[in-house]
């Protein structure tokens, strides 16, 4: 390797909603921190942002794609003379959001589970890994439905109890049937307002307390990121305090209020708070996890060109990744910046998207649409928590004939494009691209790459889930193991791929 290198990193984010530049800045920020750790100095390397010219077509009104640049602190930010690393994001998140819903995703999952009995589709994974993944996802679905059922039941029971105490409901002497009485009954204190309005006060209080508890949990889960931003912690603490004070005051007023047949008391209020907590947790599991994670997969794995909606979205997502890589290998499309090496770094579903994008660019190169020396700049492809094996499974569920023909082409193409030999990192341009996959056993979204193990190097980590942090799918960039190579040479870290020491 040369002592001075200009390196581009194309970052392809994964599932769930992401704000623009989030993954780009995360990759650049972590790279900067790891370079400083290796140098033994806190500010030897610094992070900045550049705005390259000629990225968009004339007249385009989209936000201008930026580049996060990691460079030496003493160097020139605009035109560095020493080695630097530019991170370019393939931002596809908003393309398919809102295109599906929880019911559609659930039906798609159920169809994908049972359809393979009539096809050749299967996940290339050991039984233990498949058992863990299916158990985790099935457990999340079951928990979501159970919590929804409990919240609905609690709403009914607390509603009957509250309305009975207030005198709005009573049990009929015939058949013990519930009957609504006196809808305009006087509220506590004799004020002439409907009791329903008074009950709304307590309901709002319970909702605010539920929001405060959720905010406390999120703050705890994000404590590492918040340590460097004390102002954000104080702002959160202030907001949580306001929610607790207002919500508590409203709940207290409802708990001690004297209704025609008694008062709610704290047990009734506790049940009301439990209703909101159950609903919020169930909603988060069903919408946040099921739709957030699998909605993107549902859209992208629709390979049927006759599906005008999903296939069009899939094509737009893939175009975004192709465009980002083209920026890195083509100076005319990126403000004139010319790089010595280009590395594609992906997370989650981004691994599948990036794989397809590299294959498409290779095909364009063979057809003369892209110069061979430009494509040859792509020297490494690293995947973090890749769902490639699972998306391959969903592709194959479509049927026997498409899966056989498609996988035959895909396997042959990958053998020409990728390799798992570490020596490819220092090989001359034009050789195969080094391919590595970092994965955890307890990450239910990812898998070891077994279908293409002859051309992909697998690096298995030892991250473990916990009760407060059950999903470790987003932990890769925060894990020192991902960045640092082992002393015995058996594990290759990202730092030695992106910025190997001379």
Protein backbone atom coordinates (compact mmCIF):
# COMPACT_ATOMS: atom_id res chain seq x y z
CA UNK A 1 0.00 0.00 0.00
CA UNK A 2 1.10 3.57 -0.66
CA UNK A 3 1.77 5.80 2.30
CA UNK A 4 -0.76 8.33 1.00
CA UNK A 5 -4.16 7.00 -0.06
CA UNK A 6 -7.46 8.55 -1.07
CA UNK A 7 -10.17 6.09 -0.07
CA UNK A 8 -13.92 6.25 -0.61
CA UNK A 9 -16.37 4.25 1.51
CA UNK A 10 -19.84 3.77 0.06
CA UNK A 11 -22.16 3.16 3.03
CA UNK A 12 -25.45 1.36 2.35
CA UNK A 13 -27.77 1.43 5.36
CA UNK A 14 -30.26 -1.28 6.28
CA UNK A 15 -33.91 -1.65 7.23
CA UNK A 16 -36.13 0.71 9.24
CA UNK A 17 -36.49 4.48 8.81
CA UNK A 18 -33.22 6.42 8.74
CA UNK A 19 -32.70 10.19 8.53
CA UNK A 20 -30.47 11.44 5.73
CA UNK A 21 -26.72 11.33 6.50
CA UNK A 22 -27.27 9.28 9.71
CA UNK A 23 -25.48 6.12 8.57
CA UNK A 24 -22.89 8.13 6.64
CA UNK A 25 -21.95 10.14 9.73
CA UNK A 26 -22.03 7.08 11.96
CA UNK A 27 -19.56 5.21 9.75
CA UNK A 28 -17.30 8.26 9.44
CA UNK A 29 -17.48 9.08 13.15
CA UNK A 30 -16.64 5.54 14.25
CA UNK A 31 -13.82 5.31 11.71
CA UNK A 32 -12.36 8.58 13.00
CA UNK A 33 -12.55 7.36 16.60
CA UNK A 34 -10.89 4.03 15.76
CA UNK A 35 -8.08 5.73 13.82
CA UNK A 36 -7.40 7.99 16.80
CA UNK A 37 -7.39 4.99 19.14
CA UNK A 38 -4.86 3.21 16.92
CA UNK A 39 -2.67 6.33 16.77
CA UNK A 40 -2.81 6.76 20.54
CA UNK A 41 -3.91 10.39 20.19
CA UNK A 42 -7.37 11.82 20.64
CA UNK A 43 -7.34 14.45 17.86
CA UNK A 44 -4.81 13.19 15.29
CA UNK A 45 -7.76 12.54 12.97
CA UNK A 46 -10.80 14.75 12.58
CA UNK A 47 -14.18 14.57 10.86
CA UNK A 48 -15.60 17.16 8.48
CA UNK A 49 -18.15 17.52 5.70
CA UNK A 50 -17.55 18.45 2.07
CA UNK A 51 -20.10 19.29 -0.62
CA UNK A 52 -18.93 17.88 -3.95
CA UNK A 53 -20.09 19.46 -7.20
CA UNK A 54 -21.90 17.82 -10.13
CA UNK A 55 -23.56 15.15 -8.00
CA UNK A 56 -27.10 15.84 -9.19
CA UNK A 57 -28.55 16.40 -12.61
CA UNK A 58 -29.13 20.09 -13.52
CA UNK A 59 -32.45 21.28 -12.13
CA UNK A 60 -32.73 18.54 -9.50
CA UNK A 61 -34.19 19.86 -6.26
CA UNK A 62 -33.30 16.99 -3.91
CA UNK A 63 -31.06 17.71 -0.91
CA UNK A 64 -27.47 17.73 -2.13
CA UNK A 65 -25.61 14.54 -1.18
CA UNK A 66 -22.67 15.40 1.05
CA UNK A 67 -19.48 13.54 1.86
CA UNK A 68 -18.25 12.92 5.41
CA UNK A 69 -14.46 13.21 5.31
CA UNK A 70 -12.04 11.73 7.85
CA UNK A 71 -8.63 13.39 7.54
CA UNK A 72 -5.59 14.33 9.58
CA UNK A 73 -6.28 17.35 11.78
CA UNK A 74 -3.21 19.21 10.51
CA UNK A 75 -4.11 18.64 6.86
CA UNK A 76 -6.12 20.83 4.47
CA UNK A 77 -9.82 20.01 4.74
CA UNK A 78 -10.75 20.91 1.16
CA UNK A 79 -7.71 19.47 -0.61
CA UNK A 80 -5.91 17.04 1.74
CA UNK A 81 -2.29 16.23 0.98
CA UNK A 82 -2.18 13.20 3.27
CA UNK A 83 -4.38 10.10 3.37
CA UNK A 84 -8.09 10.70 3.85
CA UNK A 85 -11.31 8.69 3.84
CA UNK A 86 -14.54 9.93 2.28
CA UNK A 87 -17.83 8.31 3.30
CA UNK A 88 -20.62 8.47 0.70
CA UNK A 89 -24.10 7.28 1.66
CA UNK A 90 -26.53 5.36 -0.54
CA UNK A 91 -29.65 6.83 1.06
CA UNK A 92 -32.68 4.77 0.07
CA UNK A 93 -34.78 4.88 3.27
CA UNK A 94 -37.68 7.15 2.15
CA UNK A 95 -38.25 5.35 -1.16
CA UNK A 96 -40.44 2.54 0.16
CA UNK A 97 -41.72 3.86 3.49
CA UNK A 98 -45.52 3.72 3.74
CA UNK A 99 -45.75 1.32 0.80
CA UNK A 100 -46.93 -1.52 3.02
CA UNK A 101 -48.68 -2.04 6.39
CA UNK A 102 -48.65 -4.47 9.28
CA UNK A 103 -51.41 -6.70 7.88
CA UNK A 104 -49.73 -6.95 4.48
CA UNK A 105 -46.37 -7.73 6.10
CA UNK A 106 -47.89 -10.44 8.33
CA UNK A 107 -49.65 -12.08 5.36
CA UNK A 108 -46.40 -11.97 3.40
CA UNK A 109 -44.49 -13.58 6.28
CA UNK A 110 -47.09 -16.35 6.70
CA UNK A 111 -47.14 -17.04 2.96
CA UNK A 112 -43.35 -17.18 2.87
CA UNK A 113 -43.29 -19.64 5.78
CA UNK A 114 -45.69 -22.14 4.21
CA UNK A 115 -44.97 -21.64 0.49
CA UNK A 116 -41.58 -23.43 0.61
CA UNK A 117 -43.35 -26.78 1.01
CA UNK A 118 -43.95 -26.48 -2.75
CA UNK A 119 -40.65 -24.91 -3.80
CA UNK A 120 -36.91 -25.41 -3.41
CA UNK A 121 -36.54 -22.39 -1.14
CA UNK A 122 -34.58 -22.87 2.08
CA UNK A 123 -32.36 -20.86 4.41
CA UNK A 124 -28.75 -22.00 4.29
CA UNK A 125 -28.16 -22.12 8.04
CA UNK A 126 -27.56 -24.74 10.75
CA UNK A 127 -30.61 -25.97 12.64
CA UNK A 128 -29.57 -24.15 15.83
CA UNK A 129 -29.43 -20.79 14.02
CA UNK A 130 -32.76 -21.35 12.28
CA UNK A 131 -34.38 -22.44 15.56
CA UNK A 132 -33.12 -19.29 17.31
CA UNK A 133 -34.20 -16.94 14.50
CA UNK A 134 -37.68 -18.43 14.09
CA UNK A 135 -38.10 -18.49 17.88
CA UNK A 136 -37.09 -14.85 18.25
CA UNK A 137 -39.30 -13.55 15.44
CA UNK A 138 -42.20 -15.84 16.34
CA UNK A 139 -41.86 -14.83 19.98
CA UNK A 140 -41.97 -11.15 19.04
CA UNK A 141 -45.14 -11.72 17.02
CA UNK A 142 -46.75 -13.71 19.81
CA UNK A 143 -45.79 -11.14 22.44
CA UNK A 144 -47.21 -8.32 20.31
CA UNK A 145 -50.56 -10.09 19.92
CA UNK A 146 -50.69 -11.08 23.61
CA UNK A 147 -50.00 -7.51 24.72
CA UNK A 148 -52.67 -6.18 22.39
CA UNK A 149 -55.13 -8.72 23.75
CA UNK A 150 -54.23 -7.82 27.33
CA UNK A 151 -54.58 -4.10 26.63
CA UNK A 152 -58.00 -4.59 25.02
CA UNK A 153 -59.13 -6.76 27.95
CA UNK A 154 -57.79 -4.23 30.45
CA UNK A 155 -59.58 -1.41 28.64
CA UNK A 156 -62.86 -3.29 28.92
CA UNK A 157 -62.44 -4.21 32.58
CA UNK A 158 -61.25 -0.78 33.67
CA UNK A 159 -63.96 0.87 31.57
CA UNK A 160 -66.71 -1.17 33.22
CA UNK A 161 -65.21 -0.53 36.67
CA UNK A 162 -64.85 3.22 36.13
CA UNK A 163 -68.29 3.71 34.65
CA UNK A 164 -69.85 1.64 37.45
CA UNK A 165 -68.16 3.77 40.13
CA UNK A 166 -69.22 6.98 38.46
CA UNK A 167 -72.81 5.85 38.17
CA UNK A 168 -72.81 5.85 34.40
CA UNK A 169 -73.25 2.07 34.39
CA UNK A 170 -75.10 -0.36 36.57
CA UNK A 171 -75.98 -4.02 36.49
CA UNK A 172 -79.57 -4.83 35.58
CA UNK A 173 -81.50 -7.08 37.96
CA UNK A 174 -82.50 -9.20 34.96
CA UNK A 175 -79.69 -11.43 33.80
CA UNK A 176 -77.03 -9.23 35.39
CA UNK A 177 -76.78 -7.28 32.13
CA UNK A 178 -74.81 -4.03 31.96
CA UNK A 179 -77.02 -1.00 31.37
CA UNK A 180 -75.96 2.59 30.75
CA UNK A 181 -77.71 5.06 33.03
CA UNK A 182 -77.69 8.82 33.57
CA UNK A 183 -75.19 9.91 30.92
CA UNK A 184 -75.30 13.46 32.30
CA UNK A 185 -74.64 12.56 35.91
CA UNK A 186 -72.95 15.23 37.99
CA UNK A 187 -69.18 15.12 38.26
CA UNK A 188 -67.32 15.35 41.60
CA UNK A 189 -67.98 18.64 43.36
CA UNK A 190 -71.34 19.03 41.73
CA UNK A 191 -69.95 20.74 38.62
CA UNK A 192 -72.24 20.49 35.64
CA UNK A 193 -69.92 18.66 33.28
CA UNK A 194 -70.24 15.17 31.95
CA UNK A 195 -68.41 12.51 33.83
CA UNK A 196 -66.96 11.32 30.52
CA UNK A 197 -65.00 14.59 30.31
CA UNK A 198 -63.76 14.09 33.85
CA UNK A 199 -62.62 10.58 33.02
CA UNK A 200 -60.75 11.97 30.03
CA UNK A 201 -58.58 13.93 32.46
CA UNK A 202 -57.38 10.70 34.09
CA UNK A 203 -56.91 9.02 30.73
CA UNK A 204 -54.69 11.85 29.51
CA UNK A 205 -52.69 11.62 32.74
CA UNK A 206 -52.16 7.87 32.26
CA UNK A 207 -51.04 8.47 28.68
CA UNK A 208 -48.50 11.10 29.77
CA UNK A 209 -47.10 8.79 32.45
CA UNK A 210 -46.78 6.04 29.83
CA UNK A 211 -44.89 8.42 27.55
CA UNK A 212 -42.56 9.36 30.42
CA UNK A 213 -41.78 5.71 31.17
CA UNK A 214 -41.11 5.05 27.48
CA UNK A 215 -38.78 8.08 27.34
CA UNK A 216 -36.88 6.82 30.41
CA UNK A 217 -36.40 3.41 28.77
CA UNK A 218 -35.18 4.96 25.49
CA UNK A 219 -32.76 7.20 27.37
CA UNK A 220 -31.35 4.17 29.15
CA UNK A 221 -30.92 2.28 25.87
CA UNK A 222 -29.24 5.31 24.24
CA UNK A 223 -27.05 6.13 27.22
CA UNK A 224 -23.76 5.50 25.35
CA UNK A 225 -24.59 7.95 22.56
CA UNK A 226 -25.85 10.54 25.06
CA UNK A 227 -22.73 10.53 27.23
CA UNK A 228 -21.00 12.93 24.85
CA UNK A 229 -23.98 15.32 24.83
CA UNK A 230 -24.85 16.42 28.39
CA UNK A 231 -27.23 19.11 27.10
CA UNK A 232 -29.37 16.46 25.41
CA UNK A 233 -29.56 14.50 28.67
CA UNK A 234 -30.74 17.58 30.58
CA UNK A 235 -33.34 18.38 27.94
CA UNK A 236 -34.67 14.85 28.12
CA UNK A 237 -34.71 14.91 31.90
CA UNK A 238 -36.65 18.18 31.84
CA UNK A 239 -39.19 16.82 29.35
CA UNK A 240 -39.63 13.61 31.36
CA UNK A 241 -40.08 15.64 34.54
CA UNK A 242 -42.79 17.77 32.94
CA UNK A 243 -44.62 14.66 31.72
CA UNK A 244 -44.44 13.03 35.16
CA UNK A 245 -45.65 16.17 37.01
CA UNK A 246 -48.56 16.93 34.68
CA UNK A 247 -49.54 13.30 34.22
CA UNK A 248 -49.25 12.59 37.93
CA UNK A 249 -51.40 15.59 38.83
CA UNK A 250 -54.13 14.52 36.41
CA UNK A 251 -54.07 10.94 37.64
CA UNK A 252 -54.14 12.04 41.29
CA UNK A 253 -57.17 14.21 40.60
CA UNK A 254 -58.97 11.26 39.08
CA UNK A 255 -57.88 8.82 41.81
CA UNK A 256 -59.22 10.89 44.72
CA UNK A 257 -62.33 12.22 42.98
CA UNK A 258 -65.59 11.24 44.74
CA UNK A 259 -68.09 9.72 42.38
CA UNK A 260 -71.66 8.64 43.19
CA UNK A 261 -70.48 5.12 44.07
CA UNK A 262 -67.01 5.72 45.43
CA UNK A 263 -63.65 6.66 43.93
CA UNK A 264 -61.27 5.08 41.46
CA UNK A 265 -58.45 4.68 43.93
CA UNK A 266 -54.89 3.78 43.02
CA UNK A 267 -55.66 0.19 41.88
CA UNK A 268 -57.97 1.56 39.20
CA UNK A 269 -55.42 4.15 38.13
CA UNK A 270 -52.69 1.51 38.00
CA UNK A 271 -54.82 -0.59 35.69
CA UNK A 272 -55.35 2.42 33.47
CA UNK A 273 -51.62 3.07 33.23
CA UNK A 274 -51.09 -0.62 32.48
CA UNK A 275 -53.49 -0.32 29.55
CA UNK A 276 -51.30 2.31 27.90
CA UNK A 277 -48.04 0.48 28.63
CA UNK A 278 -49.36 -2.76 27.14
CA UNK A 279 -50.63 -0.92 24.09
CA UNK A 280 -47.37 0.98 23.58
CA UNK A 281 -45.20 -2.14 23.89
CA UNK A 282 -47.47 -4.16 21.64
CA UNK A 283 -47.62 -1.37 19.08
CA UNK A 284 -43.84 -0.97 19.14
CA UNK A 285 -43.36 -4.70 18.51
CA UNK A 286 -45.96 -4.97 15.79
CA UNK A 287 -45.29 -1.73 13.97
CA UNK A 288 -41.73 -0.91 14.94
CA UNK A 289 -40.21 -4.39 14.67
CA UNK A 290 -42.48 -6.28 12.28
CA UNK A 291 -43.22 -3.47 9.81
CA UNK A 292 -40.00 -1.53 10.40
CA UNK A 293 -37.76 -4.52 9.77
CA UNK A 294 -39.75 -6.73 7.44
CA UNK A 295 -41.62 -4.06 5.47
CA UNK A 296 -38.44 -3.09 3.64
CA UNK A 297 -37.61 -6.74 3.01
CA UNK A 298 -41.10 -7.40 1.65
CA UNK A 299 -40.73 -4.59 -0.87
CA UNK A 300 -37.15 -5.32 -1.95
CA UNK A 301 -37.58 -9.07 -2.36
CA UNK A 302 -40.46 -8.61 -4.83
CA UNK A 303 -38.64 -9.69 -7.97
CA UNK A 304 -41.77 -10.02 -10.10
CA UNK A 305 -41.59 -7.29 -12.75
CA UNK A 306 -45.35 -7.54 -13.15
CA UNK A 307 -45.79 -6.03 -9.69
CA UNK A 308 -45.73 -2.40 -10.79
CA UNK A 309 -45.67 -1.01 -7.25
CA UNK A 310 -43.17 -3.06 -5.27
CA UNK A 311 -40.88 -3.90 -8.18
CA UNK A 312 -40.68 -0.23 -9.14
CA UNK A 313 -39.71 0.67 -5.57
CA UNK A 314 -37.14 -2.13 -5.52
CA UNK A 315 -35.61 -0.84 -8.74
CA UNK A 316 -35.44 2.70 -7.33
CA UNK A 317 -33.68 1.43 -4.19
CA UNK A 318 -31.15 -0.47 -6.29
CA UNK A 319 -30.58 2.57 -8.51
CA UNK A 320 -29.74 4.62 -5.41
CA UNK A 321 -26.97 2.17 -4.44
CA UNK A 322 -25.65 2.01 -8.00
CA UNK A 323 -25.57 5.82 -8.19
CA UNK A 324 -23.64 6.09 -4.91
CA UNK A 325 -20.97 3.63 -6.08
CA UNK A 326 -20.79 5.41 -9.44
CA UNK A 327 -20.10 8.65 -7.54
CA UNK A 328 -17.14 7.02 -5.85
CA UNK A 329 -15.58 5.57 -9.02
CA UNK A 330 -16.34 8.49 -11.37
CA UNK A 331 -14.69 11.85 -10.55
CA UNK A 332 -16.95 13.70 -12.99
CA UNK A 333 -19.95 12.75 -10.86
CA UNK A 334 -18.37 13.65 -7.54
CA UNK A 335 -16.80 17.11 -7.77
CA UNK A 336 -13.62 15.83 -9.41
CA UNK A 337 -12.51 13.71 -6.45
CA UNK A 338 -10.53 10.71 -7.67
CA UNK A 339 -9.88 7.83 -5.28
CA UNK A 340 -7.22 5.13 -5.14
CA UNK A 341 -9.60 2.58 -3.63
CA UNK A 342 -13.34 2.25 -3.09
CA UNK A 343 -14.84 0.11 -0.31
CA UNK A 344 -18.53 -0.77 -0.11
CA UNK A 345 -19.77 -1.08 3.49
CA UNK A 346 -23.31 -2.26 4.16
CA UNK A 347 -25.59 -3.13 7.06
CA UNK A 348 -28.58 -5.52 7.22
CA UNK A 349 -30.71 -5.44 4.04
CA UNK A 350 -28.14 -3.00 2.69
CA UNK A 351 -25.90 -6.04 2.19
CA UNK A 352 -28.34 -7.53 -0.31
CA UNK A 353 -28.86 -4.17 -2.01
CA UNK A 354 -25.11 -3.54 -2.29
CA UNK A 355 -24.50 -7.06 -3.59
CA UNK A 356 -27.05 -6.51 -6.36
CA UNK A 357 -25.61 -3.06 -7.10
CA UNK A 358 -22.06 -4.39 -7.50
CA UNK A 359 -23.34 -7.19 -9.74
CA UNK A 360 -25.25 -4.67 -11.86
CA UNK A 361 -22.14 -2.48 -12.24
CA UNK A 362 -20.10 -5.52 -13.22
CA UNK A 363 -22.65 -6.30 -15.91
CA UNK A 364 -22.55 -2.67 -17.08
CA UNK A 365 -18.77 -2.93 -17.25
CA UNK A 366 -18.95 -6.07 -19.42
CA UNK A 367 -21.46 -4.35 -21.71
CA UNK A 368 -19.23 -1.31 -22.15
CA UNK A 369 -21.42 1.12 -20.20
CA UNK A 370 -18.75 1.53 -17.49
CA UNK A 371 -15.00 1.66 -18.00
CA UNK A 372 -13.23 -1.40 -16.61
CA UNK A 373 -10.60 0.68 -14.79
CA UNK A 374 -13.36 2.60 -13.00
CA UNK A 375 -15.07 -0.56 -11.72
CA UNK A 376 -11.66 -1.97 -10.76
CA UNK A 377 -11.37 0.72 -8.06
CA UNK A 378 -13.85 -1.25 -5.92
CA UNK A 379 -11.44 -3.37 -3.88
CA UNK A 380 -13.49 -4.57 -0.87
CA UNK A 381 -17.08 -5.29 0.12
CA UNK A 382 -17.87 -5.58 3.85
CA UNK A 383 -21.27 -6.58 5.23
CA UNK A 384 -22.42 -6.03 8.83
CA UNK A 385 -25.29 -8.23 10.01
CA UNK A 386 -26.26 -9.09 6.45
CA UNK A 387 -29.67 -10.59 5.69
CA UNK A 388 -28.46 -11.93 2.33
CA UNK A 389 -29.30 -15.56 3.13
CA UNK A 390 -32.81 -14.65 4.27
CA UNK A 391 -33.51 -12.39 1.31
CA UNK A 392 -32.24 -15.15 -0.99
CA UNK A 393 -34.81 -17.41 0.66
CA UNK A 394 -37.61 -14.88 0.08
CA UNK A 395 -36.49 -14.51 -3.54
CA UNK A 396 -36.70 -18.26 -4.01
CA UNK A 397 -40.14 -18.60 -2.47
CA UNK A 398 -41.47 -17.16 -5.74
CA UNK A 399 -41.18 -20.57 -7.39
CA UNK A 400 -38.92 -23.35 -8.64
CA UNK A 401 -38.14 -22.13 -12.13
CA UNK A 402 -37.19 -18.51 -11.28
CA UNK A 403 -35.08 -19.57 -8.31
CA UNK A 404 -33.08 -22.17 -10.23
CA UNK A 405 -32.35 -19.93 -13.20
CA UNK A 406 -31.69 -16.86 -11.09
CA UNK A 407 -29.40 -18.57 -8.59
CA UNK A 408 -27.46 -20.31 -11.35
CA UNK A 409 -26.66 -16.90 -12.87
CA UNK A 410 -26.05 -15.31 -9.49
CA UNK A 411 -23.64 -18.00 -8.31
CA UNK A 412 -21.60 -17.84 -11.51
CA UNK A 413 -21.51 -14.04 -11.43
CA UNK A 414 -20.39 -13.91 -7.80
CA UNK A 415 -17.51 -16.30 -8.46
CA UNK A 416 -16.20 -13.87 -11.08
CA UNK A 417 -16.73 -10.75 -8.97
CA UNK A 418 -15.82 -11.71 -5.39
CA UNK A 419 -13.21 -13.62 -3.46
CA UNK A 420 -12.47 -14.34 0.21
CA UNK A 421 -8.68 -14.26 0.04
CA UNK A 422 -7.23 -11.46 2.15
CA UNK A 423 -4.48 -10.96 -0.42
CA UNK A 424 -7.08 -9.40 -2.73
CA UNK A 425 -6.92 -6.27 -0.55
CA UNK A 426 -3.44 -5.54 -1.91
CA UNK A 427 -3.92 -7.10 -5.35
CA UNK A 428 -3.71 -5.00 -8.49
CA UNK A 429 -6.84 -3.39 -9.86
CA UNK A 430 -8.91 -5.67 -12.03
CA UNK A 431 -8.73 -8.68 -9.74
CA UNK A 432 -11.72 -9.91 -7.77
CA UNK A 433 -13.24 -7.88 -4.93
CA UNK A 434 -12.51 -9.01 -1.36
CA UNK A 435 -15.81 -9.95 0.35
CA UNK A 436 -16.29 -10.26 4.13
CA UNK A 437 -19.38 -10.75 6.30
CA UNK A 438 -19.47 -9.84 10.02
CA UNK A 439 -22.29 -11.55 11.91
CA UNK A 440 -23.59 -12.57 15.36
CA UNK A 441 -25.37 -15.82 16.14
CA UNK A 442 -27.91 -14.02 18.37
CA UNK A 443 -28.79 -11.48 15.68
CA UNK A 444 -32.05 -12.91 14.24
CA UNK A 445 -31.84 -10.75 11.12
CA UNK A 446 -28.43 -11.91 9.89
CA UNK A 447 -26.78 -15.17 8.92
CA UNK A 448 -23.43 -16.63 8.08
CA UNK A 449 -23.03 -16.55 4.28
CA UNK A 450 -23.07 -20.24 3.43
CA UNK A 451 -24.48 -20.13 -0.10
CA UNK A 452 -21.40 -18.27 -1.33
CA UNK A 453 -18.88 -19.31 1.30
CA UNK A 454 -16.27 -20.11 -1.36
CA UNK A 455 -16.07 -16.40 -2.24
CA UNK A 456 -17.16 -14.71 1.02
CA UNK A 457 -15.16 -14.68 4.25
CA UNK A 458 -17.32 -15.00 7.37
CA UNK A 459 -16.32 -13.36 10.65
CA UNK A 460 -18.43 -14.52 13.60
CA UNK A 461 -18.70 -12.23 16.62
CA UNK A 462 -19.73 -13.00 20.19
CA UNK A 463 -22.21 -10.23 20.97
CA UNK A 464 -25.07 -11.39 23.23
CA UNK A 465 -28.59 -10.10 23.71
CA UNK A 466 -29.99 -9.09 27.11
CA UNK A 467 -33.42 -8.45 28.59
CA UNK A 468 -33.06 -4.66 28.21
CA UNK A 469 -31.35 -4.99 24.84
CA UNK A 470 -32.87 -8.00 23.07
CA UNK A 471 -32.06 -6.92 19.50
CA UNK A 472 -28.33 -6.56 18.80
CA UNK A 473 -28.76 -5.99 15.06
CA UNK A 474 -27.55 -2.37 15.27
CA UNK A 475 -24.51 -3.02 17.46
CA UNK A 476 -21.88 -3.80 14.81
CA UNK A 477 -20.25 -0.40 14.36
CA UNK A 478 -20.09 0.06 18.15
CA UNK A 479 -18.30 -3.27 18.64
CA UNK A 480 -14.47 -3.03 18.89
CA UNK A 481 -14.27 -6.61 17.55
CA UNK A 482 -15.67 -5.46 14.20
CA UNK A 483 -12.92 -2.85 13.80
CA UNK A 484 -9.83 -4.53 15.29
CA UNK A 485 -8.00 -7.56 13.94
CA UNK A 486 -6.87 -10.28 16.31
CA UNK A 487 -3.19 -10.52 17.16
CA UNK A 488 -2.96 -14.09 15.86
CA UNK A 489 -4.31 -13.07 12.47
CA UNK A 490 -7.40 -15.30 12.58
CA UNK A 491 -9.79 -12.33 12.64
CA UNK A 492 -9.68 -9.45 10.19
CA UNK A 493 -11.08 -6.13 11.43
CA UNK A 494 -12.60 -3.34 9.36
CA UNK A 495 -9.77 -0.95 10.17
CA UNK A 496 -7.24 -3.16 8.40
CA UNK A 497 -9.52 -3.28 5.37
CA UNK A 498 -10.20 0.44 5.16
CA UNK A 499 -6.93 1.91 6.47
CA UNK A 500 -4.21 -0.78 6.68
CA UNK A 501 -0.99 0.37 8.26
CA UNK A 502 1.99 0.50 5.87
